[in-house]
Amino acid sequence: MRTAVRNLWTACAGSALAACAGSALAACAWGPGEPFATLSARIEARLEVPGGRDLGDGWQMLASNYQIAIDTLELETGGVALNDAGAGGGVFDPANPPAGYSLCHNGHCHAADGSLVSYEDITAGLGGGGLVTVATLPVGTIDVSEGAARDLECTPSCDLPLASIVLAELDVTRVRASGRVRDGREPARIDEQAWSLDLAFPADAPLVLSTPLSLPADRVHEPDVELALTLAITSRIFDDVAWAAIGDPALALEDDAETRAALIAALGEVTLASAISR
């Protein structure tokens, strides 16, 4: 079916589209039940070392002058939701927000008054019906430290309905990590020791990592779509950890309230990258 859809699009594309007007349009139209687009999706995840931080032997410098080795980093996820701009007159593009909003990322924009406004509320304010999930791409567990790359299936289907997909959101339900930390200063504030992290998020309030998209599914654009998602996490998520103040030799980071809050805030700034080809 993908080949048939591609051939139909080719027949109607470019200058040939004009020839499909009027009575001839029926010959170039998609048949009943044909999808408006068919999606192939892939996700890659990796642990990156920011420039100037690599100390060798797996160690990295943090902004606090502590030094960290990240031995494991794993995310448990519910999947990627592909969100349509919704019905109505307004179309919201996070990459080009309407007047009064800026710095759009991870499901919200900064309003002129300093408040954070969700994409759904902005879309509704433009006259649209809010964001609507048209497909979900189950992902499961991602081993970021080892590097992961996999093709994704879609639910309910990779055949997309008529839509203007503007946002992809990855729901993260758990973050687990482990490694070692030491001080980069003399005299040392702490001895070298192991640390661990196990952050769980409620199913109804996951950590959401997102990327804006411009992915129309219609009778104008080529119907075969390839979506590549990339998740890169760095040691910057640990920059604000007050290692010397935690006090527990085991350094289970989720047990300290301030450390937990700092890590959740830092993880919330991690974004997906996306690339679309047709």
Protein backbone atom coordinates (compact mmCIF):
# COMPACT_ATOMS: atom_id res chain seq x y z
CA MET A 1 0.00 0.00 0.00
CA ARG A 2 2.90 2.36 0.72
CA THR A 3 4.05 2.01 -2.91
CA ALA A 4 0.58 2.71 -4.21
CA VAL A 5 0.26 5.81 -2.03
CA ARG A 6 3.68 7.08 -3.11
CA ASN A 7 2.78 6.60 -6.79
CA LEU A 8 -0.49 8.46 -6.33
CA TRP A 9 1.28 11.34 -4.65
CA THR A 10 3.91 11.46 -7.40
CA ALA A 11 1.18 11.57 -10.03
CA CYS A 12 -0.44 14.55 -8.32
CA ALA A 13 2.68 16.41 -7.19
CA GLY A 14 4.37 19.49 -8.59
CA SER A 15 3.17 20.89 -11.91
CA ALA A 16 1.10 17.76 -12.54
CA LEU A 17 -1.18 18.76 -9.66
CA ALA A 18 -2.93 21.30 -11.84
CA ALA A 19 -3.83 18.57 -14.30
CA CYS A 20 -5.72 16.80 -11.56
CA ALA A 21 -8.21 19.64 -11.16
CA GLY A 22 -11.90 19.32 -11.93
CA SER A 23 -13.14 16.00 -13.20
CA ALA A 24 -9.61 14.62 -13.50
CA LEU A 25 -9.10 15.04 -9.74
CA ALA A 26 -10.97 11.83 -9.07
CA ALA A 27 -8.36 9.86 -10.98
CA CYS A 28 -5.56 11.26 -8.82
CA ALA A 29 -7.34 11.10 -5.46
CA TRP A 30 -6.42 8.58 -2.80
CA GLY A 31 -8.85 5.74 -2.55
CA PRO A 32 -11.33 5.46 0.34
CA GLY A 33 -9.57 4.58 3.57
CA GLU A 34 -6.05 5.40 2.33
CA PRO A 35 -3.90 7.06 5.04
CA PHE A 36 -2.89 10.69 4.73
CA ALA A 37 0.67 9.67 5.62
CA THR A 38 2.52 6.53 6.67
CA LEU A 39 5.18 6.86 9.35
CA SER A 40 8.50 5.10 9.92
CA ALA A 41 10.10 6.13 13.22
CA ARG A 42 13.39 5.51 14.99
CA ILE A 43 14.90 6.68 18.28
CA GLU A 44 18.54 6.91 19.32
CA ALA A 45 19.79 7.70 22.82
CA ARG A 46 23.30 8.32 24.07
CA LEU A 47 25.38 9.79 26.87
CA GLU A 48 27.41 12.75 25.62
CA VAL A 49 30.42 14.47 27.19
CA PRO A 50 30.19 18.27 26.91
CA GLY A 51 33.18 20.07 25.46
CA GLY A 52 35.94 20.80 27.95
CA ARG A 53 34.69 18.32 30.56
CA ASP A 54 36.41 15.09 29.56
CA LEU A 55 39.08 14.14 32.15
CA GLY A 56 39.83 10.70 30.76
CA ASP A 57 39.17 7.25 32.24
CA GLY A 58 35.42 7.94 32.26
CA TRP A 59 35.62 11.03 34.49
CA GLN A 60 34.06 14.40 33.69
CA MET A 61 34.30 17.80 35.33
CA LEU A 62 31.10 19.33 36.70
CA ALA A 63 30.36 23.06 36.92
CA SER A 64 30.82 22.79 40.69
CA ASN A 65 34.39 21.46 40.25
CA TYR A 66 33.33 18.07 41.48
CA GLN A 67 34.22 15.25 39.11
CA ILE A 68 31.79 12.52 38.13
CA ALA A 69 31.88 9.14 36.43
CA ILE A 70 28.51 7.96 35.08
CA ASP A 71 28.65 4.18 34.89
CA THR A 72 24.97 3.50 34.16
CA LEU A 73 22.04 5.67 33.06
CA GLU A 74 18.71 4.12 32.14
CA LEU A 75 15.28 5.56 31.39
CA GLU A 76 11.97 3.75 31.63
CA THR A 77 9.45 5.33 29.28
CA GLY A 78 5.86 4.98 28.26
CA GLY A 79 6.51 6.08 24.70
CA VAL A 80 6.41 9.03 22.34
CA ALA A 81 3.10 10.81 21.72
CA LEU A 82 2.65 12.57 18.37
CA ASN A 83 0.36 15.55 18.92
CA ASP A 84 -1.81 17.26 16.34
CA ALA A 85 -2.52 20.99 16.64
CA GLY A 86 -6.20 20.17 17.05
CA ALA A 87 -9.35 21.36 15.37
CA GLY A 88 -10.14 25.04 15.03
CA GLY A 89 -8.69 28.15 13.55
CA GLY A 90 -5.39 28.33 15.42
CA VAL A 91 -2.25 26.32 14.75
CA PHE A 92 0.48 26.48 17.38
CA ASP A 93 4.11 25.98 16.37
CA PRO A 94 6.47 25.78 19.40
CA ALA A 95 9.36 26.81 17.15
CA ASN A 96 7.51 30.00 16.21
CA PRO A 97 5.24 30.85 19.16
CA PRO A 98 2.56 33.56 18.96
CA ALA A 99 3.13 37.06 20.32
CA GLY A 100 3.49 37.11 24.09
CA TYR A 101 5.26 33.77 24.36
CA SER A 102 8.90 32.69 24.11
CA LEU A 103 11.33 29.92 25.06
CA CYS A 104 8.99 27.04 24.25
CA HIS A 105 10.27 23.63 25.35
CA ASN A 106 9.14 20.47 27.12
CA GLY A 107 5.43 21.21 26.88
CA HIS A 108 5.30 24.86 27.94
CA CYS A 109 6.24 28.39 26.90
CA HIS A 110 7.30 31.39 28.94
CA ALA A 111 4.60 34.08 28.87
CA ALA A 112 5.39 37.79 28.92
CA ASP A 113 4.35 37.98 32.60
CA GLY A 114 6.88 35.27 33.52
CA SER A 115 4.37 32.46 33.94
CA LEU A 116 4.67 29.06 32.26
CA VAL A 117 1.80 28.23 29.91
CA SER A 118 1.22 24.75 28.49
CA TYR A 119 1.11 24.11 24.77
CA GLU A 120 -2.48 22.89 25.17
CA ASP A 121 -3.59 26.19 26.75
CA ILE A 122 -1.84 28.25 24.06
CA THR A 123 -3.43 26.19 21.30
CA ALA A 124 -6.86 26.56 22.89
CA GLY A 125 -6.33 30.32 23.15
CA LEU A 126 -5.63 30.51 19.42
CA GLY A 127 -9.04 29.10 18.67
CA GLY A 128 -7.93 25.52 18.29
CA GLY A 129 -9.26 22.58 20.22
CA GLY A 130 -6.02 21.83 22.07
CA LEU A 131 -3.37 19.26 21.23
CA VAL A 132 -4.67 15.85 20.20
CA THR A 133 -2.53 12.69 20.24
CA VAL A 134 -2.89 10.97 16.87
CA ALA A 135 -0.35 8.17 17.44
CA THR A 136 1.85 6.77 20.19
CA LEU A 137 5.24 5.13 19.64
CA PRO A 138 6.00 2.71 22.52
CA VAL A 139 9.67 2.88 23.50
CA GLY A 140 10.19 1.01 26.79
CA THR A 141 13.52 1.00 28.62
CA ILE A 142 16.40 3.00 27.12
CA ASP A 143 19.99 2.29 28.18
CA VAL A 144 21.47 5.74 27.61
CA SER A 145 24.93 4.95 28.97
CA GLU A 146 25.41 2.05 26.55
CA GLY A 147 23.75 3.85 23.69
CA ALA A 148 20.50 2.67 22.16
CA ALA A 149 18.99 2.75 18.68
CA ARG A 150 15.75 1.09 17.68
CA ASP A 151 12.91 1.26 15.21
CA LEU A 152 9.54 2.15 16.71
CA GLU A 153 6.08 0.76 16.05
CA CYS A 154 2.94 2.88 16.33
CA THR A 155 -0.34 2.56 18.16
CA PRO A 156 -3.02 2.48 16.96
CA SER A 157 -1.27 2.57 13.57
CA CYS A 158 1.60 4.11 11.62
CA ASP A 159 -0.98 5.13 9.02
CA LEU A 160 -1.73 8.71 10.06
CA PRO A 161 -5.06 10.53 9.83
CA LEU A 162 -5.44 14.06 8.48
CA ALA A 163 -3.33 16.07 10.92
CA SER A 164 -0.80 18.82 11.50
CA ILE A 165 1.58 17.23 14.01
CA VAL A 166 3.45 19.93 15.91
CA LEU A 167 4.85 18.17 18.96
CA ALA A 168 6.42 14.86 20.00
CA GLU A 169 6.50 14.08 23.72
CA LEU A 170 8.43 11.28 25.39
CA ASP A 171 6.97 10.24 28.77
CA VAL A 172 9.67 9.14 31.23
CA THR A 173 8.43 7.21 34.25
CA ARG A 174 11.73 6.29 35.89
CA VAL A 175 15.39 7.34 35.79
CA ARG A 176 18.05 5.03 37.22
CA ALA A 177 21.75 5.78 37.28
CA SER A 178 24.94 5.00 39.17
CA GLY A 179 28.56 6.04 39.22
CA ARG A 180 31.30 7.66 41.28
CA VAL A 181 32.08 11.18 42.43
CA ARG A 182 35.22 12.88 43.70
CA ASP A 183 36.38 16.41 44.37
CA GLY A 184 38.41 18.40 41.87
CA ARG A 185 39.64 20.82 44.53
CA GLU A 186 42.39 20.67 47.10
CA PRO A 187 41.75 20.15 49.94
CA ALA A 188 39.00 17.76 48.92
CA ARG A 189 35.51 18.44 50.24
CA ILE A 190 34.56 14.74 49.97
CA ASP A 191 36.32 11.45 49.50
CA GLU A 192 35.77 9.55 46.28
CA GLN A 193 32.62 7.48 46.67
CA ALA A 194 29.88 5.72 44.79
CA TRP A 195 26.47 7.26 44.13
CA SER A 196 23.17 5.95 42.86
CA LEU A 197 19.92 7.45 41.59
CA ASP A 198 16.44 5.97 41.33
CA LEU A 199 13.81 8.58 40.45
CA ALA A 200 10.28 7.34 39.86
CA PHE A 201 7.53 9.56 38.46
CA PRO A 202 3.79 8.96 38.87
CA ALA A 203 2.07 7.44 35.84
CA ASP A 204 -0.24 10.46 35.65
CA ALA A 205 2.63 12.96 36.00
CA PRO A 206 5.66 11.61 34.11
CA LEU A 207 8.75 13.58 33.22
CA VAL A 208 8.01 14.85 29.70
CA LEU A 209 10.80 15.42 27.16
CA SER A 210 9.64 17.00 23.92
CA THR A 211 10.55 18.32 20.51
CA PRO A 212 8.54 20.57 18.17
CA LEU A 213 7.64 19.07 14.81
CA SER A 214 6.37 20.29 11.49
CA LEU A 215 4.75 17.14 10.18
CA PRO A 216 1.60 17.63 8.10
CA ALA A 217 -0.35 14.54 7.09
CA ASP A 218 -2.55 15.60 4.18
CA ARG A 219 -3.13 15.24 0.45
CA VAL A 220 -0.45 17.80 -0.44
CA HIS A 221 2.77 16.44 1.08
CA GLU A 222 4.54 13.21 0.16
CA PRO A 223 2.88 10.48 2.25
CA ASP A 224 5.89 8.35 3.26
CA VAL A 225 7.42 9.98 6.35
CA GLU A 226 10.57 9.04 8.25
CA LEU A 227 10.94 10.47 11.77
CA ALA A 228 14.28 10.23 13.59
CA LEU A 229 14.34 11.12 17.28
CA THR A 230 17.57 11.63 19.22
CA LEU A 231 17.98 11.89 22.99
CA ALA A 232 21.38 13.06 24.25
CA ILE A 233 21.96 13.39 28.01
CA THR A 234 25.08 14.95 29.52
CA SER A 235 26.70 15.33 32.93
CA ARG A 236 25.09 18.78 33.18
CA ILE A 237 22.12 17.16 34.90
CA PHE A 238 24.42 16.72 37.95
CA ASP A 239 25.87 20.25 37.98
CA ASP A 240 23.61 21.50 40.78
CA VAL A 241 23.99 18.52 43.10
CA ALA A 242 25.46 19.68 46.45
CA TRP A 243 27.55 16.57 46.96
CA ALA A 244 29.17 17.64 50.23
CA ALA A 245 25.81 18.54 51.78
CA ILE A 246 24.12 15.20 51.17
CA GLY A 247 25.98 13.55 54.00
CA ASP A 248 25.02 9.92 53.30
CA PRO A 249 28.11 7.85 52.42
CA ALA A 250 25.92 5.71 50.14
CA LEU A 251 24.84 8.82 48.22
CA ALA A 252 21.40 7.62 47.18
CA LEU A 253 20.62 10.92 45.47
CA GLU A 254 16.83 10.56 45.43
CA ASP A 255 16.73 10.48 49.26
CA ASP A 256 17.82 14.11 49.64
CA ALA A 257 14.89 16.46 48.93
CA GLU A 258 16.97 19.36 47.58
CA THR A 259 19.08 17.07 45.41
CA ARG A 260 15.98 15.34 44.09
CA ALA A 261 14.42 18.70 43.16
CA ALA A 262 17.62 19.85 41.44
CA LEU A 263 17.87 16.64 39.41
CA ILE A 264 14.21 16.75 38.33
CA ALA A 265 14.65 20.38 37.23
CA ALA A 266 17.82 19.52 35.28
CA LEU A 267 16.24 16.47 33.65
CA GLY A 268 13.29 18.65 32.65
CA GLU A 269 15.64 20.76 30.54
CA VAL A 270 16.74 17.76 28.48
CA THR A 271 15.16 17.86 25.04
CA LEU A 272 14.60 15.52 22.16
CA ALA A 273 16.02 16.34 18.77
CA SER A 274 14.08 15.40 15.66
CA ALA A 275 14.61 15.11 11.92
CA ILE A 276 11.92 14.47 9.33
CA SER A 277 12.38 13.23 5.78
CA ARG A 278 9.75 12.44 3.18
